[in-house]
Amino acid sequence: MSNSLKARLKAGEIGLNAWSVLPSTYVAEALARTGWDSVTIDLQHGLHDYASMAACIQAMQATPITPLARTPWNEPGVIGRVLDAGAWGLICPMINTAADARALADACFYPPLGRRSNGPIRAGGYGGQASYQSIANGEVLILPQVETLEAVTNIEAILDTPGLSGIYVGPSDLGFSMGLAPKLDREEPEILRIYEGLIEQTARRGLVAGIHNLTPAYAARMANMGFTFLTAANDLDLLTQGGRAAWRATREAAGERAAP
């Protein structure tokens, strides 16, 4: 078995990613059936813990989707457990230096490329006839999150770290680190110039340029700009936006004016 998302990205195709913050296997299963290339389970700012992450990966495994996870931090014990549970890759927050990037790669790869401990309790079943350990180093997708001005300054050293698949931009914290309001779907010219530089640096190395977005329209704009891995929605936003739209449509159809 192989990582279909990684293969798609290597072929130069866009990867569309959904985001899971709700610790519900039913929600994760439903989200996985809606056509996304991957779903990322958020262990940093989402409501997931390790058990809900593992259960949601199980729920999604009946679909062709690629399960990913965002770890709480660059901590090797957590990273190993996420991969052991069956995530095909991970997004790791606050990677600011080459040393941070090297520590991330070490935690993700089995020897001789890294220091990941052997014990793929669920992921071991992915190998089929070959052992999981023989395919893991080549199939795991590793995306350090670039979300500070320090990381932007060090981007060439980060990208030159062996084994990394690319980067994943966190616009909210990036702006925050620059003294701007923390938000997604940014329009500041200085931020857009940073994006252009990050895209150029990743493209030069044949690596993935990913970014977190608030809306599908902005995600599409970022794809046209050159990003190749795009988060366009999370389960909670889809639920609340769909619920509000249904409520508003019903009110208006019934002849009552909906509140703003």
C-alpha atoms as a PDB file:
ATOM      1  CA  MET A   1       0.000   0.000   0.000  1.00  0.00           C
ATOM      2  CA  SER A   2       1.189   3.519  -0.708  1.00  0.00           C
ATOM      3  CA  ASN A   3       0.447   7.087   0.296  1.00  0.00           C
ATOM      4  CA  SER A   4      -1.934   8.249  -2.452  1.00  0.00           C
ATOM      5  CA  LEU A   5      -1.737  11.895  -1.389  1.00  0.00           C
ATOM      6  CA  LYS A   6       2.055  11.912  -1.553  1.00  0.00           C
ATOM      7  CA  ALA A   7       1.946  10.286  -4.981  1.00  0.00           C
ATOM      8  CA  ARG A   8      -0.563  12.879  -6.154  1.00  0.00           C
ATOM      9  CA  LEU A   9       1.594  15.760  -4.953  1.00  0.00           C
ATOM     10  CA  LYS A  10       4.742  14.264  -6.497  1.00  0.00           C
ATOM     11  CA  ALA A  11       2.895  14.081  -9.818  1.00  0.00           C
ATOM     12  CA  GLY A  12       2.303  17.849  -9.663  1.00  0.00           C
ATOM     13  CA  GLU A  13      -1.388  17.627  -8.848  1.00  0.00           C
ATOM     14  CA  ILE A  14      -3.196  19.706  -6.236  1.00  0.00           C
ATOM     15  CA  GLY A  15      -3.994  18.075  -2.890  1.00  0.00           C
ATOM     16  CA  LEU A  16      -7.210  19.270  -1.248  1.00  0.00           C
ATOM     17  CA  ASN A  17      -7.296  18.738   2.493  1.00  0.00           C
ATOM     18  CA  ALA A  18     -10.133  18.914   5.015  1.00  0.00           C
ATOM     19  CA  TRP A  19      -9.554  19.566   8.713  1.00  0.00           C
ATOM     20  CA  SER A  20     -10.954  17.593  11.632  1.00  0.00           C
ATOM     21  CA  VAL A  21     -11.350  19.336  14.997  1.00  0.00           C
ATOM     22  CA  LEU A  22     -14.340  17.360  16.304  1.00  0.00           C
ATOM     23  CA  PRO A  23     -13.528  14.060  18.097  1.00  0.00           C
ATOM     24  CA  SER A  24     -16.327  12.124  16.389  1.00  0.00           C
ATOM     25  CA  THR A  25     -15.765   9.005  14.308  1.00  0.00           C
ATOM     26  CA  TYR A  26     -19.094   9.558  12.572  1.00  0.00           C
ATOM     27  CA  VAL A  27     -18.139  13.099  11.513  1.00  0.00           C
ATOM     28  CA  ALA A  28     -14.688  11.929  10.368  1.00  0.00           C
ATOM     29  CA  GLU A  29     -16.207   9.093   8.353  1.00  0.00           C
ATOM     30  CA  ALA A  30     -18.719  11.425   6.716  1.00  0.00           C
ATOM     31  CA  LEU A  31     -16.033  13.988   5.914  1.00  0.00           C
ATOM     32  CA  ALA A  32     -13.834  11.292   4.363  1.00  0.00           C
ATOM     33  CA  ARG A  33     -16.652  10.321   2.001  1.00  0.00           C
ATOM     34  CA  THR A  34     -17.051  13.792   0.477  1.00  0.00           C
ATOM     35  CA  GLY A  35     -14.176  13.722  -2.015  1.00  0.00           C
ATOM     36  CA  TRP A  36     -11.191  15.270  -0.232  1.00  0.00           C
ATOM     37  CA  ASP A  37      -7.727  13.929  -0.938  1.00  0.00           C
ATOM     38  CA  SER A  38      -6.864  13.956   2.767  1.00  0.00           C
ATOM     39  CA  VAL A  39      -8.241  14.793   6.196  1.00  0.00           C
ATOM     40  CA  THR A  40      -5.964  16.182   8.906  1.00  0.00           C
ATOM     41  CA  ILE A  41      -6.850  15.404  12.505  1.00  0.00           C
ATOM     42  CA  ASP A  42      -5.888  18.367  14.668  1.00  0.00           C
ATOM     43  CA  LEU A  43      -4.224  17.385  17.937  1.00  0.00           C
ATOM     44  CA  GLN A  44      -2.910  20.891  18.555  1.00  0.00           C
ATOM     45  CA  HIS A  45      -5.937  23.199  18.553  1.00  0.00           C
ATOM     46  CA  GLY A  46      -8.714  20.697  17.847  1.00  0.00           C
ATOM     47  CA  LEU A  47     -10.653  18.758  20.482  1.00  0.00           C
ATOM     48  CA  HIS A  48      -8.939  15.465  19.623  1.00  0.00           C
ATOM     49  CA  ASP A  49      -6.837  13.344  21.934  1.00  0.00           C
ATOM     50  CA  TYR A  50      -4.798  10.275  20.953  1.00  0.00           C
ATOM     51  CA  ALA A  51      -7.716   7.858  21.331  1.00  0.00           C
ATOM     52  CA  SER A  52     -10.111   9.931  19.220  1.00  0.00           C
ATOM     53  CA  MET A  53      -7.427  10.383  16.564  1.00  0.00           C
ATOM     54  CA  ALA A  54      -6.815   6.639  16.308  1.00  0.00           C
ATOM     55  CA  ALA A  55     -10.567   5.939  16.193  1.00  0.00           C
ATOM     56  CA  CYS A  56     -11.128   8.543  13.471  1.00  0.00           C
ATOM     57  CA  ILE A  57      -8.309   7.084  11.373  1.00  0.00           C
ATOM     58  CA  GLN A  58     -10.036   3.704  11.682  1.00  0.00           C
ATOM     59  CA  ALA A  59     -13.353   5.266  10.636  1.00  0.00           C
ATOM     60  CA  MET A  60     -11.782   6.864   7.562  1.00  0.00           C
ATOM     61  CA  GLN A  61      -9.871   3.785   6.467  1.00  0.00           C
ATOM     62  CA  ALA A  62     -12.853   2.413   4.536  1.00  0.00           C
ATOM     63  CA  THR A  63     -12.412   5.298   2.064  1.00  0.00           C
ATOM     64  CA  PRO A  64      -9.523   6.150  -0.317  1.00  0.00           C
ATOM     65  CA  ILE A  65      -8.706   9.261   1.706  1.00  0.00           C
ATOM     66  CA  THR A  66      -5.243   9.817   3.187  1.00  0.00           C
ATOM     67  CA  PRO A  67      -5.377  10.358   6.982  1.00  0.00           C
ATOM     68  CA  LEU A  68      -2.978  12.967   8.342  1.00  0.00           C
ATOM     69  CA  ALA A  69      -2.550  14.542  11.763  1.00  0.00           C
ATOM     70  CA  ARG A  70      -1.265  17.801  13.155  1.00  0.00           C
ATOM     71  CA  THR A  71       0.794  17.105  16.232  1.00  0.00           C
ATOM     72  CA  PRO A  72       0.622  19.350  19.317  1.00  0.00           C
ATOM     73  CA  TRP A  73       4.341  20.134  19.052  1.00  0.00           C
ATOM     74  CA  ASN A  74       7.678  18.879  17.759  1.00  0.00           C
ATOM     75  CA  GLU A  75       7.920  16.072  20.313  1.00  0.00           C
ATOM     76  CA  PRO A  76       9.272  12.671  19.181  1.00  0.00           C
ATOM     77  CA  GLY A  77       7.116  10.553  21.473  1.00  0.00           C
ATOM     78  CA  VAL A  78       3.887  12.083  20.186  1.00  0.00           C
ATOM     79  CA  ILE A  79       5.090  12.049  16.575  1.00  0.00           C
ATOM     80  CA  GLY A  80       5.910   8.343  16.785  1.00  0.00           C
ATOM     81  CA  ARG A  81       2.531   7.493  18.289  1.00  0.00           C
ATOM     82  CA  VAL A  82       0.679   9.449  15.601  1.00  0.00           C
ATOM     83  CA  LEU A  83       2.453   7.521  12.854  1.00  0.00           C
ATOM     84  CA  ASP A  84       2.094   4.209  14.715  1.00  0.00           C
ATOM     85  CA  ALA A  85      -1.677   4.790  14.870  1.00  0.00           C
ATOM     86  CA  GLY A  86      -1.861   4.865  11.077  1.00  0.00           C
ATOM     87  CA  ALA A  87      -1.473   8.485   9.977  1.00  0.00           C
ATOM     88  CA  TRP A  88       0.219   8.587   6.567  1.00  0.00           C
ATOM     89  CA  GLY A  89       1.821  11.892   7.397  1.00  0.00           C
ATOM     90  CA  LEU A  90       1.823  14.847   9.714  1.00  0.00           C
ATOM     91  CA  ILE A  91       1.923  18.593  10.001  1.00  0.00           C
ATOM     92  CA  CYS A  92       4.126  19.806  12.834  1.00  0.00           C
ATOM     93  CA  PRO A  93       3.725  23.326  14.282  1.00  0.00           C
ATOM     94  CA  MET A  94       6.319  25.984  15.005  1.00  0.00           C
ATOM     95  CA  ILE A  95       9.303  24.694  13.034  1.00  0.00           C
ATOM     96  CA  ASN A  96      11.552  27.761  13.084  1.00  0.00           C
ATOM     97  CA  THR A  97      15.109  26.562  12.449  1.00  0.00           C
ATOM     98  CA  ALA A  98      17.120  23.888  10.686  1.00  0.00           C
ATOM     99  CA  ALA A  99      17.619  22.210  14.072  1.00  0.00           C
ATOM    100  CA  ASP A 100      13.842  22.063  14.569  1.00  0.00           C
ATOM    101  CA  ALA A 101      13.443  20.565  11.106  1.00  0.00           C
ATOM    102  CA  ARG A 102      16.158  17.970  11.694  1.00  0.00           C
ATOM    103  CA  ALA A 103      14.547  16.928  14.984  1.00  0.00           C
ATOM    104  CA  LEU A 104      11.222  16.520  13.166  1.00  0.00           C
ATOM    105  CA  ALA A 105      12.759  14.345  10.453  1.00  0.00           C
ATOM    106  CA  ASP A 106      14.591  12.251  13.038  1.00  0.00           C
ATOM    107  CA  ALA A 107      11.306  11.548  14.825  1.00  0.00           C
ATOM    108  CA  CYS A 108       9.509  10.552  11.608  1.00  0.00           C
ATOM    109  CA  PHE A 109      12.049   8.202  10.012  1.00  0.00           C
ATOM    110  CA  TYR A 110      13.180   4.752  10.994  1.00  0.00           C
ATOM    111  CA  PRO A 111      16.948   4.096  11.084  1.00  0.00           C
ATOM    112  CA  PRO A 112      19.221   4.699   9.328  1.00  0.00           C
ATOM    113  CA  LEU A 113      17.481   7.912   8.231  1.00  0.00           C
ATOM    114  CA  GLY A 114      16.127   8.832  11.666  1.00  0.00           C
ATOM    115  CA  ARG A 115      15.452   7.703  15.189  1.00  0.00           C
ATOM    116  CA  ARG A 116      11.809   6.624  15.122  1.00  0.00           C
ATOM    117  CA  SER A 117      11.225   3.741  17.511  1.00  0.00           C
ATOM    118  CA  ASN A 118       9.813   0.524  16.080  1.00  0.00           C
ATOM    119  CA  GLY A 119       6.259  -0.347  17.099  1.00  0.00           C
ATOM    120  CA  PRO A 120       3.682   0.451  14.389  1.00  0.00           C
ATOM    121  CA  ILE A 121       0.748  -0.929  16.345  1.00  0.00           C
ATOM    122  CA  ARG A 122      -1.867  -0.061  13.675  1.00  0.00           C
ATOM    123  CA  ALA A 123       0.244   1.194  10.801  1.00  0.00           C
ATOM    124  CA  GLY A 124       1.966  -2.184  10.583  1.00  0.00           C
ATOM    125  CA  GLY A 125      -1.052  -3.528   8.731  1.00  0.00           C
ATOM    126  CA  TYR A 126      -0.467  -1.107   5.849  1.00  0.00           C
ATOM    127  CA  GLY A 127       2.545  -2.922   4.493  1.00  0.00           C
ATOM    128  CA  GLY A 128       0.688  -5.846   2.932  1.00  0.00           C
ATOM    129  CA  GLN A 129       3.172  -8.445   1.778  1.00  0.00           C
ATOM    130  CA  ALA A 130       6.098  -6.137   2.564  1.00  0.00           C
ATOM    131  CA  SER A 131       6.675  -4.974   6.106  1.00  0.00           C
ATOM    132  CA  TYR A 132       5.524  -1.504   7.056  1.00  0.00           C
ATOM    133  CA  GLN A 133       9.044  -0.682   8.179  1.00  0.00           C
ATOM    134  CA  SER A 134      10.300  -1.270   4.626  1.00  0.00           C
ATOM    135  CA  ILE A 135       7.944   1.319   3.104  1.00  0.00           C
ATOM    136  CA  ALA A 136       7.409   3.879   5.871  1.00  0.00           C
ATOM    137  CA  ASN A 137      10.431   6.096   5.231  1.00  0.00           C
ATOM    138  CA  GLY A 138       9.448   6.515   1.596  1.00  0.00           C
ATOM    139  CA  GLU A 139       5.733   6.981   2.108  1.00  0.00           C
ATOM    140  CA  VAL A 140       5.294   9.254   5.141  1.00  0.00           C
ATOM    141  CA  LEU A 141       4.460  12.878   4.275  1.00  0.00           C
ATOM    142  CA  ILE A 142       6.258  15.351   6.547  1.00  0.00           C
ATOM    143  CA  LEU A 143       5.198  18.992   6.507  1.00  0.00           C
ATOM    144  CA  PRO A 144       6.797  21.390   8.997  1.00  0.00           C
ATOM    145  CA  GLN A 145       4.572  24.338   9.713  1.00  0.00           C
ATOM    146  CA  VAL A 146       6.075  27.704   8.730  1.00  0.00           C
ATOM    147  CA  GLU A 147       4.248  30.218  10.878  1.00  0.00           C
ATOM    148  CA  THR A 148       6.746  32.748  12.204  1.00  0.00           C
ATOM    149  CA  LEU A 149       8.984  35.399  10.712  1.00  0.00           C
ATOM    150  CA  GLU A 150      11.917  33.431  12.142  1.00  0.00           C
ATOM    151  CA  ALA A 151      10.909  30.401  10.058  1.00  0.00           C
ATOM    152  CA  VAL A 152      10.623  32.558   6.928  1.00  0.00           C
ATOM    153  CA  THR A 153      14.125  33.917   7.564  1.00  0.00           C
ATOM    154  CA  ASN A 154      15.451  30.351   7.921  1.00  0.00           C
ATOM    155  CA  ILE A 155      13.388  28.834   5.119  1.00  0.00           C
ATOM    156  CA  GLU A 156      16.269  27.690   2.916  1.00  0.00           C
ATOM    157  CA  ALA A 157      17.941  25.794   5.759  1.00  0.00           C
ATOM    158  CA  ILE A 158      14.588  24.277   6.751  1.00  0.00           C
ATOM    159  CA  LEU A 159      13.822  23.142   3.199  1.00  0.00           C
ATOM    160  CA  ASP A 160      17.302  21.688   2.764  1.00  0.00           C
ATOM    161  CA  THR A 161      16.713  19.286   5.662  1.00  0.00           C
ATOM    162  CA  PRO A 162      16.789  15.765   4.162  1.00  0.00           C
ATOM    163  CA  GLY A 163      13.475  13.953   4.109  1.00  0.00           C
ATOM    164  CA  LEU A 164      11.028  16.802   4.489  1.00  0.00           C
ATOM    165  CA  SER A 165       8.168  16.771   1.987  1.00  0.00           C
ATOM    166  CA  GLY A 166       7.721  20.551   1.921  1.00  0.00           C
ATOM    167  CA  ILE A 167       6.095  23.124   4.194  1.00  0.00           C
ATOM    168  CA  TYR A 168       2.661  24.075   5.479  1.00  0.00           C
ATOM    169  CA  VAL A 169       2.037  27.782   6.074  1.00  0.00           C
ATOM    170  CA  GLY A 170       0.114  28.890   9.161  1.00  0.00           C
ATOM    171  CA  PRO A 171      -1.097  32.395   8.200  1.00  0.00           C
ATOM    172  CA  SER A 172      -2.595  33.278  11.559  1.00  0.00           C
ATOM    173  CA  ASP A 173       0.551  32.796  13.625  1.00  0.00           C
ATOM    174  CA  LEU A 174       2.725  34.146  10.823  1.00  0.00           C
ATOM    175  CA  GLY A 175       0.880  37.450  10.896  1.00  0.00           C
ATOM    176  CA  PHE A 176       0.843  37.402  14.692  1.00  0.00           C
ATOM    177  CA  SER A 177       4.648  37.059  14.746  1.00  0.00           C
ATOM    178  CA  MET A 178       4.847  40.183  12.572  1.00  0.00           C
ATOM    179  CA  GLY A 179       2.688  42.311  14.853  1.00  0.00           C
ATOM    180  CA  LEU A 180      -0.451  41.835  12.778  1.00  0.00           C
ATOM    181  CA  ALA A 181      -3.839  40.508  13.825  1.00  0.00           C
ATOM    182  CA  PRO A 182      -3.994  36.687  13.920  1.00  0.00           C
ATOM    183  CA  LYS A 183      -6.305  35.640  11.088  1.00  0.00           C
ATOM    184  CA  LEU A 184      -6.508  33.481   7.985  1.00  0.00           C
ATOM    185  CA  ASP A 185      -7.043  34.463   4.328  1.00  0.00           C
ATOM    186  CA  ARG A 186      -4.616  37.366   4.576  1.00  0.00           C
ATOM    187  CA  GLU A 187      -4.383  40.289   2.156  1.00  0.00           C
ATOM    188  CA  GLU A 188      -1.431  42.292   3.494  1.00  0.00           C
ATOM    189  CA  PRO A 189       1.079  42.924   0.685  1.00  0.00           C
ATOM    190  CA  GLU A 190       4.017  41.943   2.912  1.00  0.00           C
ATOM    191  CA  ILE A 191       2.379  38.578   3.675  1.00  0.00           C
ATOM    192  CA  LEU A 192       1.610  37.916   0.016  1.00  0.00           C
ATOM    193  CA  ARG A 193       5.241  38.661  -0.847  1.00  0.00           C
ATOM    194  CA  ILE A 194       6.315  36.099   1.747  1.00  0.00           C
ATOM    195  CA  TYR A 195       3.972  33.564   0.157  1.00  0.00           C
ATOM    196  CA  GLU A 196       5.543  34.202  -3.246  1.00  0.00           C
ATOM    197  CA  GLY A 197       8.999  33.616  -1.801  1.00  0.00           C
ATOM    198  CA  LEU A 198       7.953  30.391  -0.073  1.00  0.00           C
ATOM    199  CA  ILE A 199       6.370  29.085  -3.262  1.00  0.00           C
ATOM    200  CA  GLU A 200       9.527  29.893  -5.222  1.00  0.00           C
ATOM    201  CA  GLN A 201      11.781  28.173  -2.687  1.00  0.00           C
ATOM    202  CA  THR A 202       9.695  24.990  -2.547  1.00  0.00           C
ATOM    203  CA  ALA A 203       9.195  24.815  -6.311  1.00  0.00           C
ATOM    204  CA  ARG A 204      12.945  25.123  -6.866  1.00  0.00           C
ATOM    205  CA  ARG A 205      13.448  21.987  -4.753  1.00  0.00           C
ATOM    206  CA  GLY A 206      10.449  20.057  -6.048  1.00  0.00           C
ATOM    207  CA  LEU A 207       8.766  20.190  -2.629  1.00  0.00           C
ATOM    208  CA  VAL A 208       5.201  20.734  -1.468  1.00  0.00           C
ATOM    209  CA  ALA A 209       3.916  24.227  -0.665  1.00  0.00           C
ATOM    210  CA  GLY A 210       0.898  23.921   1.638  1.00  0.00           C
ATOM    211  CA  ILE A 211      -1.258  26.554   3.305  1.00  0.00           C
ATOM    212  CA  HIS A 212      -4.157  26.727   5.760  1.00  0.00           C
ATOM    213  CA  ASN A 213      -7.207  28.648   4.496  1.00  0.00           C
ATOM    214  CA  LEU A 214     -10.536  29.765   5.889  1.00  0.00           C
ATOM    215  CA  THR A 215     -12.646  29.684   2.734  1.00  0.00           C
ATOM    216  CA  PRO A 216     -12.718  27.622  -0.477  1.00  0.00           C
ATOM    217  CA  ALA A 217     -12.513  30.795  -2.593  1.00  0.00           C
ATOM    218  CA  TYR A 218      -9.280  31.891  -0.936  1.00  0.00           C
ATOM    219  CA  ALA A 219      -7.886  28.356  -1.120  1.00  0.00           C
ATOM    220  CA  ALA A 220      -8.513  28.361  -4.876  1.00  0.00           C
ATOM    221  CA  ARG A 221      -6.747  31.706  -5.126  1.00  0.00           C
ATOM    222  CA  MET A 222      -3.748  30.253  -3.290  1.00  0.00           C
ATOM    223  CA  ALA A 223      -3.731  27.293  -5.678  1.00  0.00           C
ATOM    224  CA  ASN A 224      -3.591  29.699  -8.604  1.00  0.00           C
ATOM    225  CA  MET A 225      -0.744  31.495  -6.841  1.00  0.00           C
ATOM    226  CA  GLY A 226       1.261  28.250  -6.716  1.00  0.00           C
ATOM    227  CA  PHE A 227       0.443  26.444  -3.479  1.00  0.00           C
ATOM    228  CA  THR A 228      -0.071  22.735  -4.067  1.00  0.00           C
ATOM    229  CA  PHE A 229      -1.578  21.448  -0.794  1.00  0.00           C
ATOM    230  CA  LEU A 230      -4.572  23.385   0.447  1.00  0.00           C
ATOM    231  CA  THR A 231      -6.861  23.114   3.443  1.00  0.00           C
ATOM    232  CA  ALA A 232     -10.194  24.656   2.518  1.00  0.00           C
ATOM    233  CA  ALA A 233     -12.600  23.700   5.315  1.00  0.00           C
ATOM    234  CA  ASN A 234     -12.882  22.163   8.761  1.00  0.00           C
ATOM    235  CA  ASP A 235     -15.693  20.023  10.068  1.00  0.00           C
ATOM    236  CA  LEU A 236     -16.890  22.517  12.682  1.00  0.00           C
ATOM    237  CA  ASP A 237     -17.100  25.389  10.183  1.00  0.00           C
ATOM    238  CA  LEU A 238     -18.942  23.198   7.685  1.00  0.00           C
ATOM    239  CA  LEU A 239     -21.446  22.230  10.375  1.00  0.00           C
ATOM    240  CA  THR A 240     -22.048  25.751  11.647  1.00  0.00           C
ATOM    241  CA  GLN A 241     -22.121  27.380   8.213  1.00  0.00           C
ATOM    242  CA  GLY A 242     -24.475  24.733   6.847  1.00  0.00           C
ATOM    243  CA  GLY A 243     -26.682  24.987   9.910  1.00  0.00           C
ATOM    244  CA  ARG A 244     -26.892  28.766   9.693  1.00  0.00           C
ATOM    245  CA  ALA A 245     -27.621  28.664   5.963  1.00  0.00           C
ATOM    246  CA  ALA A 246     -30.450  26.144   6.492  1.00  0.00           C
ATOM    247  CA  TRP A 247     -31.883  28.197   9.342  1.00  0.00           C
ATOM    248  CA  ARG A 248     -31.754  31.415   7.299  1.00  0.00           C
ATOM    249  CA  ALA A 249     -33.282  29.811   4.207  1.00  0.00           C
ATOM    250  CA  THR A 250     -36.145  28.332   6.241  1.00  0.00           C
ATOM    251  CA  ARG A 251     -36.875  31.651   7.977  1.00  0.00           C
ATOM    252  CA  GLU A 252     -36.883  33.541   4.709  1.00  0.00           C
ATOM    253  CA  ALA A 253     -39.007  30.945   2.917  1.00  0.00           C
ATOM    254  CA  ALA A 254     -41.494  31.135   5.773  1.00  0.00           C
ATOM    255  CA  GLY A 255     -41.822  34.881   5.257  1.00  0.00           C
ATOM    256  CA  GLU A 256     -39.769  35.983   8.265  1.00  0.00           C
ATOM    257  CA  ARG A 257     -36.707  38.129   8.012  1.00  0.00           C
ATOM    258  CA  ALA A 258     -33.609  36.363   9.322  1.00  0.00           C
ATOM    259  CA  ALA A 259     -31.407  38.129  11.818  1.00  0.00           C
ATOM    260  CA  PRO A 260     -28.007  39.199  10.489  1.00  0.00           C
END
